[in-house]
Amino acid sequence: MAILINFLLFVGIALATGLGSAWYMIEKGSQLTTRRLGPWVVWRLAGHIDADPYTLAHVVRSGRLPMTTSNARYYLAERDSNGDKLYADCEYEIVGKGPRARWWSLAAYDGNGRLMDNPAQRYAYNSNAVLRDGEGRYRIVLARDARPGNWLPVRSEHRLMLMLRVYGPEVSDDNIDADAERRELPEIRRLGCR
């Protein structure tokens, strides 16, 4: 009887560990599958024919079209530039000049990957619609209450994730420099929390 219990315990631990590690690799990735650029994470081989199984599963699970990173890059942020987790109860500013690309957009999502429903029906900003200062920089404020300028509403009952979609990046994957790519991505600064 003790052998059967030990065997079942072993099988249970093995299943939990295997399924848990597979979920983590598909959901979050690792240094082998993703590149971390400050608060932003990008899947290295998303849309490539030689993508690993975890990257393929991640792209399928996300529901995005599997475009190569030469055509489109999807940067996800679940933390601010200080490394703190993003919370919808807090206010943030996203500041940058934008990546060098044909077009980009920035949207806020809840913890389930859905756009946050809001009365203003404002879900994203893009390179054509964002207001910029005299030096070409933009500032987008994420907050529950309306703000002047580029305001992106969030709802406090949700976890918060940001997605920066970049289409037609000027720098190809072959010539990509992680430091230059990091400098092109916007900073995410926490302004305060309720």
N, C-alpha and C. Protein backbone atom coordinates (compact mmCIF):
# COMPACT_ATOMS: atom_id res chain seq x y z
N MET A 1 0.82 -1.20 0.00
CA MET A 1 0.00 0.00 0.00
C MET A 1 0.86 1.26 0.00
N ALA A 2 1.93 1.26 0.79
CA ALA A 2 2.82 2.41 0.87
C ALA A 2 3.50 2.66 -0.47
N ILE A 3 3.82 1.58 -1.19
CA ILE A 3 4.47 1.72 -2.50
C ILE A 3 3.51 2.38 -3.48
N LEU A 4 2.24 1.98 -3.45
CA LEU A 4 1.23 2.57 -4.33
C LEU A 4 1.04 4.05 -4.02
N ILE A 5 0.99 4.40 -2.74
CA ILE A 5 0.84 5.81 -2.35
C ILE A 5 2.05 6.62 -2.81
N ASN A 6 3.25 6.08 -2.61
CA ASN A 6 4.47 6.78 -3.05
C ASN A 6 4.49 6.94 -4.56
N PHE A 7 4.06 5.90 -5.29
CA PHE A 7 4.01 5.98 -6.74
C PHE A 7 3.03 7.05 -7.20
N LEU A 8 1.83 7.05 -6.63
CA LEU A 8 0.83 8.05 -6.98
C LEU A 8 1.30 9.46 -6.64
N LEU A 9 1.97 9.61 -5.52
CA LEU A 9 2.52 10.91 -5.13
C LEU A 9 3.58 11.36 -6.13
N PHE A 10 4.45 10.43 -6.53
CA PHE A 10 5.48 10.73 -7.52
C PHE A 10 4.85 11.16 -8.84
N VAL A 11 3.84 10.41 -9.31
CA VAL A 11 3.16 10.73 -10.57
C VAL A 11 2.48 12.11 -10.46
N GLY A 12 1.84 12.38 -9.33
CA GLY A 12 1.19 13.68 -9.13
C GLY A 12 2.18 14.83 -9.17
N ILE A 13 3.31 14.68 -8.50
CA ILE A 13 4.34 15.72 -8.50
C ILE A 13 4.93 15.90 -9.89
N ALA A 14 5.17 14.79 -10.59
CA ALA A 14 5.73 14.86 -11.94
C ALA A 14 4.76 15.56 -12.89
N LEU A 15 3.48 15.23 -12.81
CA LEU A 15 2.49 15.88 -13.66
C LEU A 15 2.38 17.37 -13.36
N ALA A 16 2.31 17.71 -12.07
CA ALA A 16 2.19 19.12 -11.69
C ALA A 16 3.42 19.91 -12.15
N THR A 17 4.60 19.34 -11.97
CA THR A 17 5.83 20.02 -12.38
C THR A 17 5.89 20.16 -13.90
N GLY A 18 5.57 19.10 -14.61
CA GLY A 18 5.61 19.14 -16.07
C GLY A 18 4.61 20.11 -16.66
N LEU A 19 3.36 20.02 -16.19
CA LEU A 19 2.34 20.93 -16.71
C LEU A 19 2.61 22.38 -16.30
N GLY A 20 3.08 22.58 -15.07
CA GLY A 20 3.39 23.93 -14.60
C GLY A 20 4.52 24.57 -15.39
N SER A 21 5.58 23.80 -15.65
CA SER A 21 6.70 24.35 -16.41
C SER A 21 6.31 24.60 -17.86
N ALA A 22 5.48 23.73 -18.44
CA ALA A 22 5.02 23.96 -19.81
C ALA A 22 4.16 25.23 -19.88
N TRP A 23 3.26 25.40 -18.91
CA TRP A 23 2.43 26.62 -18.88
C TRP A 23 3.32 27.85 -18.78
N TYR A 24 4.31 27.83 -17.89
CA TYR A 24 5.19 28.98 -17.71
C TYR A 24 5.94 29.30 -19.00
N MET A 25 6.47 28.29 -19.65
CA MET A 25 7.24 28.52 -20.88
C MET A 25 6.36 29.06 -22.01
N ILE A 26 5.09 28.65 -22.05
CA ILE A 26 4.18 29.15 -23.09
C ILE A 26 3.70 30.56 -22.74
N GLU A 27 3.43 30.80 -21.48
CA GLU A 27 2.88 32.09 -21.06
C GLU A 27 3.97 33.17 -20.95
N LYS A 28 5.08 32.87 -20.29
CA LYS A 28 6.10 33.87 -19.99
C LYS A 28 7.36 33.73 -20.82
N GLY A 29 7.70 32.51 -21.22
CA GLY A 29 8.93 32.28 -21.97
C GLY A 29 10.15 32.23 -21.06
N SER A 30 11.30 32.16 -21.67
CA SER A 30 12.57 32.13 -20.94
C SER A 30 13.59 32.92 -21.74
N GLN A 31 14.82 32.96 -21.26
CA GLN A 31 15.87 33.68 -21.99
C GLN A 31 16.14 33.04 -23.34
N LEU A 32 15.76 31.78 -23.51
CA LEU A 32 15.95 31.11 -24.79
C LEU A 32 14.90 31.52 -25.82
N THR A 33 13.71 31.92 -25.35
CA THR A 33 12.61 32.22 -26.27
C THR A 33 12.23 33.69 -26.34
N THR A 34 12.62 34.46 -25.34
CA THR A 34 12.24 35.88 -25.30
C THR A 34 13.47 36.76 -25.11
N ARG A 35 13.29 38.04 -25.44
CA ARG A 35 14.33 39.04 -25.20
C ARG A 35 13.70 40.12 -24.33
N ARG A 36 14.33 40.42 -23.20
CA ARG A 36 13.82 41.44 -22.28
C ARG A 36 14.57 42.74 -22.55
N LEU A 37 13.78 43.82 -22.77
CA LEU A 37 14.33 45.13 -23.08
C LEU A 37 13.71 46.13 -22.11
N GLY A 38 14.32 46.28 -20.93
CA GLY A 38 13.73 47.10 -19.88
C GLY A 38 12.45 46.42 -19.44
N PRO A 39 11.32 47.15 -19.43
CA PRO A 39 10.06 46.53 -19.01
C PRO A 39 9.40 45.70 -20.11
N TRP A 40 9.91 45.78 -21.32
CA TRP A 40 9.28 45.14 -22.47
C TRP A 40 9.88 43.77 -22.74
N VAL A 41 9.02 42.84 -23.18
CA VAL A 41 9.44 41.49 -23.54
C VAL A 41 8.96 41.22 -24.96
N VAL A 42 9.83 40.65 -25.80
CA VAL A 42 9.46 40.29 -27.16
C VAL A 42 9.89 38.84 -27.38
N TRP A 43 9.05 38.07 -28.05
CA TRP A 43 9.38 36.68 -28.38
C TRP A 43 10.29 36.69 -29.59
N ARG A 44 11.46 36.09 -29.47
CA ARG A 44 12.52 36.16 -30.48
C ARG A 44 12.11 35.60 -31.84
N LEU A 45 11.46 34.45 -31.85
CA LEU A 45 11.19 33.76 -33.11
C LEU A 45 9.72 33.71 -33.47
N ALA A 46 8.93 34.63 -32.95
CA ALA A 46 7.50 34.64 -33.27
C ALA A 46 7.31 34.79 -34.77
N GLY A 47 6.57 33.88 -35.38
CA GLY A 47 6.29 33.93 -36.80
C GLY A 47 7.36 33.33 -37.69
N HIS A 48 8.47 32.90 -37.12
CA HIS A 48 9.53 32.29 -37.93
C HIS A 48 9.23 30.82 -38.15
N ILE A 49 9.66 30.32 -39.27
CA ILE A 49 9.41 28.92 -39.59
C ILE A 49 10.16 27.97 -38.66
N ASP A 50 11.29 28.42 -38.12
CA ASP A 50 12.08 27.58 -37.23
C ASP A 50 11.83 27.89 -35.74
N ALA A 51 10.65 28.42 -35.44
CA ALA A 51 10.30 28.74 -34.05
C ALA A 51 10.20 27.46 -33.22
N ASP A 52 10.59 27.59 -31.96
CA ASP A 52 10.50 26.45 -31.04
C ASP A 52 9.04 26.19 -30.67
N PRO A 53 8.73 25.00 -30.13
CA PRO A 53 7.33 24.67 -29.80
C PRO A 53 6.69 25.62 -28.79
N TYR A 54 7.45 26.15 -27.84
CA TYR A 54 6.88 27.07 -26.85
C TYR A 54 6.47 28.39 -27.51
N THR A 55 7.29 28.89 -28.41
CA THR A 55 6.95 30.12 -29.12
C THR A 55 5.72 29.91 -30.00
N LEU A 56 5.67 28.79 -30.70
CA LEU A 56 4.50 28.48 -31.53
C LEU A 56 3.23 28.43 -30.68
N ALA A 57 3.30 27.74 -29.55
CA ALA A 57 2.15 27.64 -28.66
C ALA A 57 1.76 29.01 -28.12
N HIS A 58 2.74 29.85 -27.79
CA HIS A 58 2.45 31.19 -27.29
C HIS A 58 1.71 32.03 -28.34
N VAL A 59 2.19 31.99 -29.58
CA VAL A 59 1.57 32.77 -30.65
C VAL A 59 0.15 32.27 -30.91
N VAL A 60 -0.04 30.97 -30.95
CA VAL A 60 -1.37 30.41 -31.18
C VAL A 60 -2.31 30.79 -30.04
N ARG A 61 -1.83 30.68 -28.81
CA ARG A 61 -2.66 31.00 -27.63
C ARG A 61 -3.04 32.48 -27.61
N SER A 62 -2.15 33.35 -28.09
CA SER A 62 -2.42 34.79 -28.06
C SER A 62 -3.46 35.20 -29.10
N GLY A 63 -3.63 34.40 -30.14
CA GLY A 63 -4.59 34.73 -31.19
C GLY A 63 -4.06 35.72 -32.21
N ARG A 64 -2.77 36.05 -32.15
CA ARG A 64 -2.19 36.99 -33.12
C ARG A 64 -1.82 36.25 -34.40
N LEU A 65 -1.76 37.00 -35.49
CA LEU A 65 -1.28 36.42 -36.73
C LEU A 65 0.21 36.14 -36.58
N PRO A 66 0.67 34.99 -37.02
CA PRO A 66 2.09 34.66 -36.86
C PRO A 66 2.96 35.35 -37.92
N MET A 67 3.20 36.64 -37.73
CA MET A 67 4.05 37.40 -38.64
C MET A 67 5.49 37.36 -38.14
N THR A 68 6.45 37.33 -39.07
CA THR A 68 7.85 37.31 -38.65
C THR A 68 8.20 38.63 -37.98
N THR A 69 9.21 38.58 -37.12
CA THR A 69 9.62 39.79 -36.41
C THR A 69 10.26 40.81 -37.34
N SER A 70 10.52 40.44 -38.60
CA SER A 70 10.99 41.42 -39.59
C SER A 70 9.83 42.30 -40.05
N ASN A 71 8.60 41.76 -39.99
CA ASN A 71 7.41 42.50 -40.41
C ASN A 71 6.67 43.15 -39.25
N ALA A 72 6.62 42.47 -38.13
CA ALA A 72 5.88 42.97 -36.97
C ALA A 72 6.52 42.44 -35.69
N ARG A 73 6.55 43.30 -34.70
CA ARG A 73 7.04 42.88 -33.37
C ARG A 73 5.99 43.27 -32.35
N TYR A 74 5.77 42.37 -31.40
CA TYR A 74 4.81 42.60 -30.34
C TYR A 74 5.57 42.61 -29.02
N TYR A 75 5.59 43.77 -28.38
CA TYR A 75 6.27 43.93 -27.10
C TYR A 75 5.21 43.95 -26.00
N LEU A 76 5.42 43.16 -24.98
CA LEU A 76 4.48 43.07 -23.87
C LEU A 76 5.18 43.57 -22.61
N ALA A 77 4.46 44.37 -21.81
CA ALA A 77 4.99 44.84 -20.54
C ALA A 77 4.00 44.53 -19.43
N GLU A 78 4.47 43.84 -18.41
CA GLU A 78 3.68 43.59 -17.21
C GLU A 78 4.32 44.27 -16.00
N ARG A 79 5.42 44.99 -16.25
CA ARG A 79 6.15 45.71 -15.20
C ARG A 79 6.51 47.09 -15.71
N ASP A 80 6.78 48.01 -14.78
CA ASP A 80 7.20 49.35 -15.18
C ASP A 80 8.71 49.38 -15.36
N SER A 81 9.27 50.53 -15.67
CA SER A 81 10.71 50.64 -15.94
C SER A 81 11.56 50.41 -14.69
N ASN A 82 10.96 50.49 -13.50
CA ASN A 82 11.68 50.17 -12.25
C ASN A 82 11.59 48.70 -11.90
N GLY A 83 10.85 47.92 -12.69
CA GLY A 83 10.71 46.49 -12.44
C GLY A 83 9.53 46.13 -11.56
N ASP A 84 8.71 47.12 -11.18
CA ASP A 84 7.53 46.85 -10.34
C ASP A 84 6.36 46.42 -11.21
N LYS A 85 5.56 45.50 -10.72
CA LYS A 85 4.39 44.99 -11.44
C LYS A 85 3.40 46.12 -11.73
N LEU A 86 2.79 46.09 -12.90
CA LEU A 86 1.79 47.09 -13.27
C LEU A 86 0.46 46.76 -12.60
N TYR A 87 -0.16 47.78 -12.01
CA TYR A 87 -1.46 47.63 -11.37
C TYR A 87 -2.40 48.69 -11.92
N ALA A 88 -3.64 48.30 -12.19
CA ALA A 88 -4.62 49.24 -12.72
C ALA A 88 -5.04 50.26 -11.68
N ASP A 89 -4.77 50.02 -10.39
CA ASP A 89 -5.06 51.01 -9.35
C ASP A 89 -4.04 52.15 -9.35
N CYS A 90 -2.97 51.99 -10.09
CA CYS A 90 -1.93 53.01 -10.15
C CYS A 90 -2.04 53.79 -11.46
N GLU A 91 -1.41 54.95 -11.48
CA GLU A 91 -1.34 55.77 -12.68
C GLU A 91 0.08 55.71 -13.22
N TYR A 92 0.17 55.65 -14.54
CA TYR A 92 1.47 55.54 -15.20
C TYR A 92 1.55 56.53 -16.35
N GLU A 93 2.78 56.88 -16.70
CA GLU A 93 3.02 57.61 -17.93
C GLU A 93 3.97 56.79 -18.78
N ILE A 94 3.64 56.73 -20.05
CA ILE A 94 4.48 56.04 -21.02
C ILE A 94 5.08 57.14 -21.87
N VAL A 95 6.40 57.22 -21.89
CA VAL A 95 7.10 58.34 -22.53
C VAL A 95 8.10 57.79 -23.54
N GLY A 96 8.08 58.36 -24.74
CA GLY A 96 9.06 57.96 -25.74
C GLY A 96 8.89 58.74 -27.02
N LYS A 97 9.70 58.41 -28.00
CA LYS A 97 9.58 58.99 -29.34
C LYS A 97 8.94 57.99 -30.28
N GLY A 98 8.87 56.77 -29.84
CA GLY A 98 8.29 55.72 -30.67
C GLY A 98 9.38 54.96 -31.39
N PRO A 99 9.17 53.69 -31.63
CA PRO A 99 10.15 52.92 -32.40
C PRO A 99 10.17 53.38 -33.86
N ARG A 100 11.33 53.25 -34.48
CA ARG A 100 11.43 53.60 -35.91
C ARG A 100 10.76 52.49 -36.71
N ALA A 101 9.57 52.80 -37.21
CA ALA A 101 8.79 51.81 -37.94
C ALA A 101 7.75 52.53 -38.79
N ARG A 102 7.11 51.80 -39.69
CA ARG A 102 6.04 52.41 -40.48
C ARG A 102 4.88 52.82 -39.61
N TRP A 103 4.55 51.99 -38.61
CA TRP A 103 3.39 52.26 -37.77
C TRP A 103 3.52 51.48 -36.48
N TRP A 104 3.02 52.07 -35.37
CA TRP A 104 2.98 51.36 -34.09
C TRP A 104 1.72 51.75 -33.35
N SER A 105 1.33 50.90 -32.40
CA SER A 105 0.19 51.20 -31.53
C SER A 105 0.49 50.68 -30.13
N LEU A 106 -0.10 51.36 -29.15
CA LEU A 106 0.06 50.98 -27.75
C LEU A 106 -1.33 50.85 -27.14
N ALA A 107 -1.61 49.70 -26.51
CA ALA A 107 -2.92 49.45 -25.91
C ALA A 107 -2.74 48.83 -24.53
N ALA A 108 -3.74 49.06 -23.67
CA ALA A 108 -3.76 48.47 -22.33
C ALA A 108 -4.74 47.30 -22.33
N TYR A 109 -4.34 46.20 -21.72
CA TYR A 109 -5.15 44.99 -21.64
C TYR A 109 -5.31 44.57 -20.19
N ASP A 110 -6.36 43.81 -19.93
CA ASP A 110 -6.52 43.25 -18.59
C ASP A 110 -5.69 41.98 -18.49
N GLY A 111 -5.72 41.34 -17.34
CA GLY A 111 -4.92 40.16 -17.09
C GLY A 111 -5.26 38.97 -17.97
N ASN A 112 -6.42 38.99 -18.61
CA ASN A 112 -6.82 37.90 -19.50
C ASN A 112 -6.52 38.20 -20.96
N GLY A 113 -5.84 39.32 -21.21
CA GLY A 113 -5.47 39.67 -22.58
C GLY A 113 -6.58 40.33 -23.37
N ARG A 114 -7.58 40.88 -22.70
CA ARG A 114 -8.67 41.57 -23.38
C ARG A 114 -8.53 43.08 -23.19
N LEU A 115 -8.92 43.83 -24.21
CA LEU A 115 -8.95 45.28 -24.07
C LEU A 115 -9.88 45.64 -22.92
N MET A 116 -9.50 46.68 -22.18
CA MET A 116 -10.33 47.11 -21.06
C MET A 116 -11.49 47.96 -21.56
N ASP A 117 -12.71 47.47 -21.29
CA ASP A 117 -13.89 48.24 -21.65
C ASP A 117 -13.92 49.51 -20.82
N ASN A 118 -14.27 50.63 -21.44
CA ASN A 118 -14.32 51.89 -20.70
C ASN A 118 -15.33 52.82 -21.36
N PRO A 119 -15.93 53.72 -20.58
CA PRO A 119 -16.97 54.62 -21.11
C PRO A 119 -16.46 55.54 -22.22
N ALA A 120 -15.19 55.89 -22.19
CA ALA A 120 -14.64 56.78 -23.23
C ALA A 120 -14.43 56.05 -24.55
N GLN A 121 -14.50 54.72 -24.54
CA GLN A 121 -14.24 53.88 -25.71
C GLN A 121 -12.92 54.23 -26.37
N ARG A 122 -11.93 54.46 -25.53
CA ARG A 122 -10.57 54.74 -25.99
C ARG A 122 -9.71 53.55 -25.58
N TYR A 123 -9.13 52.86 -26.55
CA TYR A 123 -8.45 51.61 -26.26
C TYR A 123 -6.96 51.62 -26.59
N ALA A 124 -6.52 52.55 -27.43
CA ALA A 124 -5.13 52.54 -27.86
C ALA A 124 -4.74 53.89 -28.43
N TYR A 125 -3.44 54.09 -28.53
CA TYR A 125 -2.88 55.21 -29.28
C TYR A 125 -1.94 54.63 -30.32
N ASN A 126 -1.79 55.34 -31.43
CA ASN A 126 -0.87 54.86 -32.45
C ASN A 126 0.00 56.00 -32.94
N SER A 127 0.97 55.66 -33.76
CA SER A 127 1.96 56.64 -34.21
C SER A 127 1.33 57.78 -35.01
N ASN A 128 0.17 57.58 -35.58
CA ASN A 128 -0.49 58.64 -36.35
C ASN A 128 -1.37 59.53 -35.50
N ALA A 129 -1.86 59.03 -34.36
CA ALA A 129 -2.86 59.77 -33.59
C ALA A 129 -2.35 60.34 -32.27
N VAL A 130 -1.16 59.96 -31.84
CA VAL A 130 -0.66 60.42 -30.55
C VAL A 130 -0.17 61.87 -30.65
N LEU A 131 -0.47 62.67 -29.63
CA LEU A 131 0.02 64.05 -29.57
C LEU A 131 1.48 64.03 -29.14
N ARG A 132 2.29 64.89 -29.76
CA ARG A 132 3.72 64.94 -29.47
C ARG A 132 4.12 66.36 -29.10
N ASP A 133 5.24 66.48 -28.38
CA ASP A 133 5.76 67.80 -28.06
C ASP A 133 6.65 68.29 -29.20
N GLY A 134 7.30 69.43 -29.02
CA GLY A 134 8.13 70.03 -30.06
C GLY A 134 9.33 69.19 -30.44
N GLU A 135 9.76 68.27 -29.57
CA GLU A 135 10.91 67.43 -29.86
C GLU A 135 10.51 66.06 -30.41
N GLY A 136 9.21 65.88 -30.65
CA GLY A 136 8.74 64.61 -31.21
C GLY A 136 8.44 63.54 -30.18
N ARG A 137 8.52 63.88 -28.89
CA ARG A 137 8.24 62.90 -27.84
C ARG A 137 6.75 62.90 -27.52
N TYR A 138 6.27 61.76 -27.12
CA TYR A 138 4.87 61.66 -26.68
C TYR A 138 4.84 61.24 -25.22
N ARG A 139 3.72 61.51 -24.59
CA ARG A 139 3.47 61.12 -23.19
C ARG A 139 2.03 60.63 -23.14
N ILE A 140 1.86 59.35 -22.82
CA ILE A 140 0.53 58.75 -22.67
C ILE A 140 0.34 58.44 -21.19
N VAL A 141 -0.76 58.92 -20.63
CA VAL A 141 -1.05 58.68 -19.21
C VAL A 141 -2.11 57.59 -19.10
N LEU A 142 -1.82 56.55 -18.32
CA LEU A 142 -2.79 55.51 -18.00
C LEU A 142 -3.37 55.85 -16.65
N ALA A 143 -4.67 56.06 -16.59
CA ALA A 143 -5.33 56.43 -15.33
C ALA A 143 -6.81 56.11 -15.42
N ARG A 144 -7.43 55.96 -14.25
CA ARG A 144 -8.88 55.71 -14.22
C ARG A 144 -9.66 56.95 -14.62
N ASP A 145 -9.19 58.12 -14.17
CA ASP A 145 -9.90 59.37 -14.42
C ASP A 145 -9.27 60.11 -15.59
N ALA A 146 -10.08 60.89 -16.30
CA ALA A 146 -9.64 61.60 -17.50
C ALA A 146 -8.47 62.54 -17.20
N ARG A 147 -7.56 62.63 -18.15
CA ARG A 147 -6.40 63.51 -18.09
C ARG A 147 -6.31 64.27 -19.40
N PRO A 148 -5.72 65.47 -19.38
CA PRO A 148 -5.53 66.19 -20.65
C PRO A 148 -4.46 65.49 -21.49
N GLY A 149 -4.53 65.68 -22.77
CA GLY A 149 -3.53 65.09 -23.66
C GLY A 149 -3.87 63.64 -23.99
N ASN A 150 -2.84 62.84 -24.08
CA ASN A 150 -2.98 61.43 -24.43
C ASN A 150 -3.34 60.64 -23.17
N TRP A 151 -4.62 60.38 -22.99
CA TRP A 151 -5.09 59.64 -21.82
C TRP A 151 -5.63 58.29 -22.27
N LEU A 152 -5.16 57.23 -21.64
CA LEU A 152 -5.64 55.88 -21.91
C LEU A 152 -6.31 55.37 -20.64
N PRO A 153 -7.65 55.20 -20.65
CA PRO A 153 -8.36 54.79 -19.44
C PRO A 153 -8.09 53.33 -19.06
N VAL A 154 -7.97 53.09 -17.75
CA VAL A 154 -7.86 51.73 -17.22
C VAL A 154 -8.90 51.57 -16.12
N ARG A 155 -9.24 50.34 -15.83
CA ARG A 155 -10.22 50.05 -14.79
C ARG A 155 -9.52 49.33 -13.65
N SER A 156 -9.82 49.73 -12.44
CA SER A 156 -9.06 49.27 -11.28
C SER A 156 -9.28 47.80 -10.93
N GLU A 157 -10.36 47.19 -11.43
CA GLU A 157 -10.61 45.82 -11.03
C GLU A 157 -9.81 44.81 -11.86
N HIS A 158 -8.94 45.28 -12.70
CA HIS A 158 -8.20 44.39 -13.58
C HIS A 158 -6.69 44.48 -13.36
N ARG A 159 -6.01 43.37 -13.65
CA ARG A 159 -4.56 43.42 -13.79
C ARG A 159 -4.28 44.20 -15.06
N LEU A 160 -3.09 44.68 -15.20
CA LEU A 160 -2.76 45.56 -16.31
C LEU A 160 -1.57 45.02 -17.09
N MET A 161 -1.72 44.98 -18.40
CA MET A 161 -0.63 44.64 -19.31
C MET A 161 -0.65 45.65 -20.44
N LEU A 162 0.50 45.96 -20.97
CA LEU A 162 0.61 46.86 -22.11
C LEU A 162 1.15 46.08 -23.30
N MET A 163 0.60 46.37 -24.48
CA MET A 163 1.07 45.74 -25.70
C MET A 163 1.45 46.84 -26.68
N LEU A 164 2.70 46.82 -27.11
CA LEU A 164 3.19 47.74 -28.13
C LEU A 164 3.38 46.93 -29.41
N ARG A 165 2.58 47.23 -30.40
CA ARG A 165 2.67 46.56 -31.70
C ARG A 165 3.45 47.46 -32.64
N VAL A 166 4.47 46.89 -33.27
CA VAL A 166 5.32 47.64 -34.18
C VAL A 166 5.28 46.96 -35.54
N TYR A 167 4.81 47.67 -36.56
CA TYR A 167 4.70 47.11 -37.91
C TYR A 167 5.70 47.80 -38.83
N GLY A 168 6.42 47.00 -39.59
CA GLY A 168 7.41 47.52 -40.51
C GLY A 168 8.59 48.16 -39.80
N PRO A 169 9.22 47.44 -38.84
CA PRO A 169 10.38 48.04 -38.15
C PRO A 169 11.51 48.31 -39.14
N GLU A 170 12.19 49.44 -38.93
CA GLU A 170 13.28 49.82 -39.84
C GLU A 170 14.49 48.91 -39.71
N VAL A 171 14.73 48.38 -38.52
CA VAL A 171 15.89 47.53 -38.28
C VAL A 171 15.46 46.07 -38.38
N SER A 172 16.14 45.32 -39.24
CA SER A 172 15.79 43.91 -39.42
C SER A 172 16.33 43.08 -38.26
N ASP A 173 15.83 41.86 -38.16
CA ASP A 173 16.29 40.95 -37.10
C ASP A 173 17.78 40.68 -37.19
N ASP A 174 18.31 40.62 -38.41
CA ASP A 174 19.72 40.30 -38.60
C ASP A 174 20.62 41.42 -38.07
N ASN A 175 20.15 42.66 -38.12
CA ASN A 175 20.97 43.81 -37.71
C ASN A 175 20.56 44.40 -36.38
N ILE A 176 19.74 43.69 -35.63
CA ILE A 176 19.17 44.25 -34.41
C ILE A 176 20.24 44.35 -33.31
N ASP A 177 20.26 45.47 -32.65
CA ASP A 177 21.14 45.73 -31.52
C ASP A 177 20.24 45.94 -30.31
N ALA A 178 20.38 45.07 -29.31
CA ALA A 178 19.47 45.11 -28.16
C ALA A 178 19.50 46.47 -27.45
N ASP A 179 20.66 47.10 -27.33
CA ASP A 179 20.73 48.40 -26.66
C ASP A 179 20.00 49.48 -27.46
N ALA A 180 20.18 49.48 -28.77
CA ALA A 180 19.49 50.46 -29.62
C ALA A 180 17.99 50.20 -29.60
N GLU A 181 17.60 48.94 -29.61
CA GLU A 181 16.17 48.59 -29.57
C GLU A 181 15.56 49.04 -28.24
N ARG A 182 16.28 48.84 -27.14
CA ARG A 182 15.80 49.25 -25.81
C ARG A 182 15.60 50.75 -25.74
N ARG A 183 16.51 51.53 -26.33
CA ARG A 183 16.40 53.00 -26.31
C ARG A 183 15.20 53.49 -27.11
N GLU A 184 14.77 52.75 -28.13
CA GLU A 184 13.63 53.15 -28.94
C GLU A 184 12.29 52.88 -28.25
N LEU A 185 12.28 51.96 -27.31
CA LEU A 185 11.03 51.59 -26.64
C LEU A 185 10.71 52.60 -25.55
N PRO A 186 9.43 52.86 -25.32
CA PRO A 186 9.06 53.88 -24.32
C PRO A 186 9.32 53.42 -22.89
N GLU A 187 9.53 54.40 -22.03
CA GLU A 187 9.64 54.14 -20.60
C GLU A 187 8.25 54.09 -20.00
N ILE A 188 8.11 53.30 -18.94
CA ILE A 188 6.84 53.22 -18.22
C ILE A 188 7.13 53.67 -16.80
N ARG A 189 6.60 54.82 -16.42
CA ARG A 189 6.88 55.39 -15.09
C ARG A 189 5.61 55.43 -14.25
N ARG A 190 5.71 54.96 -13.02
CA ARG A 190 4.57 55.02 -12.10
C ARG A 190 4.47 56.43 -11.53
N LEU A 191 3.27 57.01 -11.62
CA LEU A 191 3.04 58.35 -11.09
C LEU A 191 2.51 58.30 -9.66
N GLY A 192 1.76 57.26 -9.34
CA GLY A 192 1.18 57.13 -7.99
C GLY A 192 0.13 56.05 -7.98
N CYS A 193 -0.30 55.66 -6.79
CA CYS A 193 -1.31 54.62 -6.63
C CYS A 193 -2.38 55.10 -5.66
N ARG A 194 -3.57 54.54 -5.78
CA ARG A 194 -4.67 54.88 -4.86
C ARG A 194 -4.68 53.95 -3.68
